[in-house]
């Protein structure tokens, strides 16, 4: 099988996985922000959200964390194992710009890793966590 054919099959598998996870009943984006914007008109709000849709953000999926002394860090080599505080099978945290937005589980499609979101943090919960 050629590399192009393999690439096409892999892309088809990812497209199928993404379509499987599509949520047809998802609320439109402006509805999410009405809770925080008060009595803004829906047309003005739609224009505001369109303005920010192309802003890049950093998406991070975190398996776990650990603290390690510099002397131990310098001793790490290929094949070293670093113990993390997360347990096997535990949901992974999905962060945007360092802020927790969801939790998920690892999925593998054609030797590529992905994350299936299992729990989305509500906007109200995110705001509450920011205020702490």
Protein backbone atom coordinates (compact mmCIF):
# COMPACT_ATOMS: atom_id res chain seq x y z
CA UNK A 1 0.00 0.00 0.00
CA UNK A 2 1.46 3.39 -0.94
CA UNK A 3 2.07 6.18 1.57
CA UNK A 4 -0.59 8.37 -0.13
CA UNK A 5 -3.19 5.59 0.19
CA UNK A 6 -2.26 5.06 3.84
CA UNK A 7 -2.52 8.82 4.48
CA UNK A 8 -5.99 8.94 2.83
CA UNK A 9 -7.22 5.97 4.88
CA UNK A 10 -5.90 7.58 8.09
CA UNK A 11 -7.64 10.87 7.25
CA UNK A 12 -10.90 8.97 6.52
CA UNK A 13 -10.66 7.22 9.91
CA UNK A 14 -10.13 10.53 11.68
CA UNK A 15 -13.02 12.08 9.78
CA UNK A 16 -15.25 9.16 10.81
CA UNK A 17 -14.13 9.47 14.44
CA UNK A 18 -14.82 13.21 14.38
CA UNK A 19 -18.24 12.71 12.78
CA UNK A 20 -19.09 10.13 15.44
CA UNK A 21 -18.36 12.68 18.15
CA UNK A 22 -20.26 15.55 16.47
CA UNK A 23 -22.97 16.91 18.75
CA UNK A 24 -25.91 17.96 16.57
CA UNK A 25 -27.78 19.52 19.50
CA UNK A 26 -24.93 21.83 20.52
CA UNK A 27 -26.01 25.32 21.50
CA UNK A 28 -24.89 28.13 19.18
CA UNK A 29 -21.89 30.05 20.44
CA UNK A 30 -23.73 33.34 21.15
CA UNK A 31 -26.00 31.55 23.66
CA UNK A 32 -22.97 30.55 25.71
CA UNK A 33 -21.97 34.18 26.19
CA UNK A 34 -25.45 35.61 26.97
CA UNK A 35 -25.05 34.41 30.55
CA UNK A 36 -22.07 36.76 30.98
CA UNK A 37 -23.00 39.63 28.68
CA UNK A 38 -26.30 40.72 30.23
CA UNK A 39 -28.78 42.20 27.76
CA UNK A 40 -26.60 42.48 24.64
CA UNK A 41 -28.47 42.31 21.35
CA UNK A 42 -28.05 38.98 19.58
CA UNK A 43 -26.87 40.56 16.32
CA UNK A 44 -24.22 42.64 18.06
CA UNK A 45 -23.13 39.61 20.07
CA UNK A 46 -22.89 37.46 16.93
CA UNK A 47 -20.61 40.08 15.35
CA UNK A 48 -18.48 40.17 18.51
CA UNK A 49 -18.02 36.39 18.55
CA UNK A 50 -17.12 36.35 14.85
CA UNK A 51 -14.36 38.83 15.65
CA UNK A 52 -12.63 36.44 18.08
CA UNK A 53 -13.17 33.09 16.33
CA UNK A 54 -9.78 33.22 14.55
CA UNK A 55 -7.70 33.98 17.66
CA UNK A 56 -5.24 31.12 18.25
CA UNK A 57 -5.18 29.49 21.69
CA UNK A 58 -2.92 26.86 23.23
CA UNK A 59 -4.71 23.53 23.77
CA UNK A 60 -2.95 21.20 26.22
CA UNK A 61 -3.85 17.65 27.23
CA UNK A 62 -2.30 16.73 30.55
CA UNK A 63 -1.68 13.13 31.62
CA UNK A 64 -0.40 14.09 35.05
CA UNK A 65 2.18 16.11 36.92
CA UNK A 66 5.14 15.50 39.19
CA UNK A 67 7.80 17.48 41.01
CA UNK A 68 11.37 16.42 40.45
CA UNK A 69 14.67 17.73 41.80
CA UNK A 70 17.10 19.19 39.29
CA UNK A 71 19.72 16.54 40.15
CA UNK A 72 17.18 13.80 39.27
CA UNK A 73 16.13 15.66 36.14
CA UNK A 74 19.75 15.75 34.95
CA UNK A 75 20.01 11.98 35.43
CA UNK A 76 17.14 11.25 33.02
CA UNK A 77 18.13 9.42 29.87
CA UNK A 78 16.40 7.68 27.00
CA UNK A 79 14.22 4.94 28.47
CA UNK A 80 13.89 6.61 31.88
CA UNK A 81 10.44 6.42 33.47
CA UNK A 82 8.97 9.41 35.28
CA UNK A 83 6.11 8.67 37.68
CA UNK A 84 3.14 11.04 37.35
CA UNK A 85 0.40 11.73 39.87
CA UNK A 86 -2.34 10.60 37.45
CA UNK A 87 -3.63 7.04 37.61
CA UNK A 88 -3.95 4.72 34.61
CA UNK A 89 -7.47 4.97 33.22
CA UNK A 90 -8.13 8.30 34.94
CA UNK A 91 -9.54 11.08 32.71
CA UNK A 92 -6.97 13.50 31.33
CA UNK A 93 -7.33 17.24 31.78
CA UNK A 94 -7.87 19.37 28.65
CA UNK A 95 -6.69 22.93 29.14
CA UNK A 96 -6.95 26.03 26.95
CA UNK A 97 -4.31 28.61 27.77
CA UNK A 98 -3.80 26.85 31.11
CA UNK A 99 -7.50 26.90 32.08
CA UNK A 100 -9.30 23.56 32.55
CA UNK A 101 -12.17 23.28 30.04
CA UNK A 102 -12.80 19.53 29.82
CA UNK A 103 -11.69 16.03 30.69
CA UNK A 104 -11.23 13.21 28.24
CA UNK A 105 -9.81 9.81 27.43
CA UNK A 106 -7.12 8.75 25.01
CA UNK A 107 -8.20 7.27 21.69
CA UNK A 108 -5.94 5.79 19.03
CA UNK A 109 -6.81 5.76 15.34
CA UNK A 110 -4.21 4.35 12.93
CA UNK A 111 -1.32 4.82 15.36
CA UNK A 112 -2.22 8.47 16.07
CA UNK A 113 -3.35 9.66 19.47
CA UNK A 114 -6.42 11.77 20.05
CA UNK A 115 -8.65 12.75 22.95
CA UNK A 116 -12.36 11.98 23.25
CA UNK A 117 -13.94 14.59 25.50
CA UNK A 118 -16.01 12.96 28.23
CA UNK A 119 -16.83 15.92 30.48
CA UNK A 120 -17.05 19.60 29.53
CA UNK A 121 -16.64 22.21 32.26
CA UNK A 122 -19.57 24.65 32.09
CA UNK A 123 -18.85 28.35 31.54
CA UNK A 124 -20.19 29.12 35.02
CA UNK A 125 -17.78 26.60 36.60
CA UNK A 126 -14.87 28.06 34.63
CA UNK A 127 -15.68 31.59 35.81
CA UNK A 128 -16.02 30.36 39.41
CA UNK A 129 -12.57 28.69 39.22
CA UNK A 130 -11.01 31.86 37.78
CA UNK A 131 -12.37 33.89 40.71
CA UNK A 132 -10.68 31.62 43.30
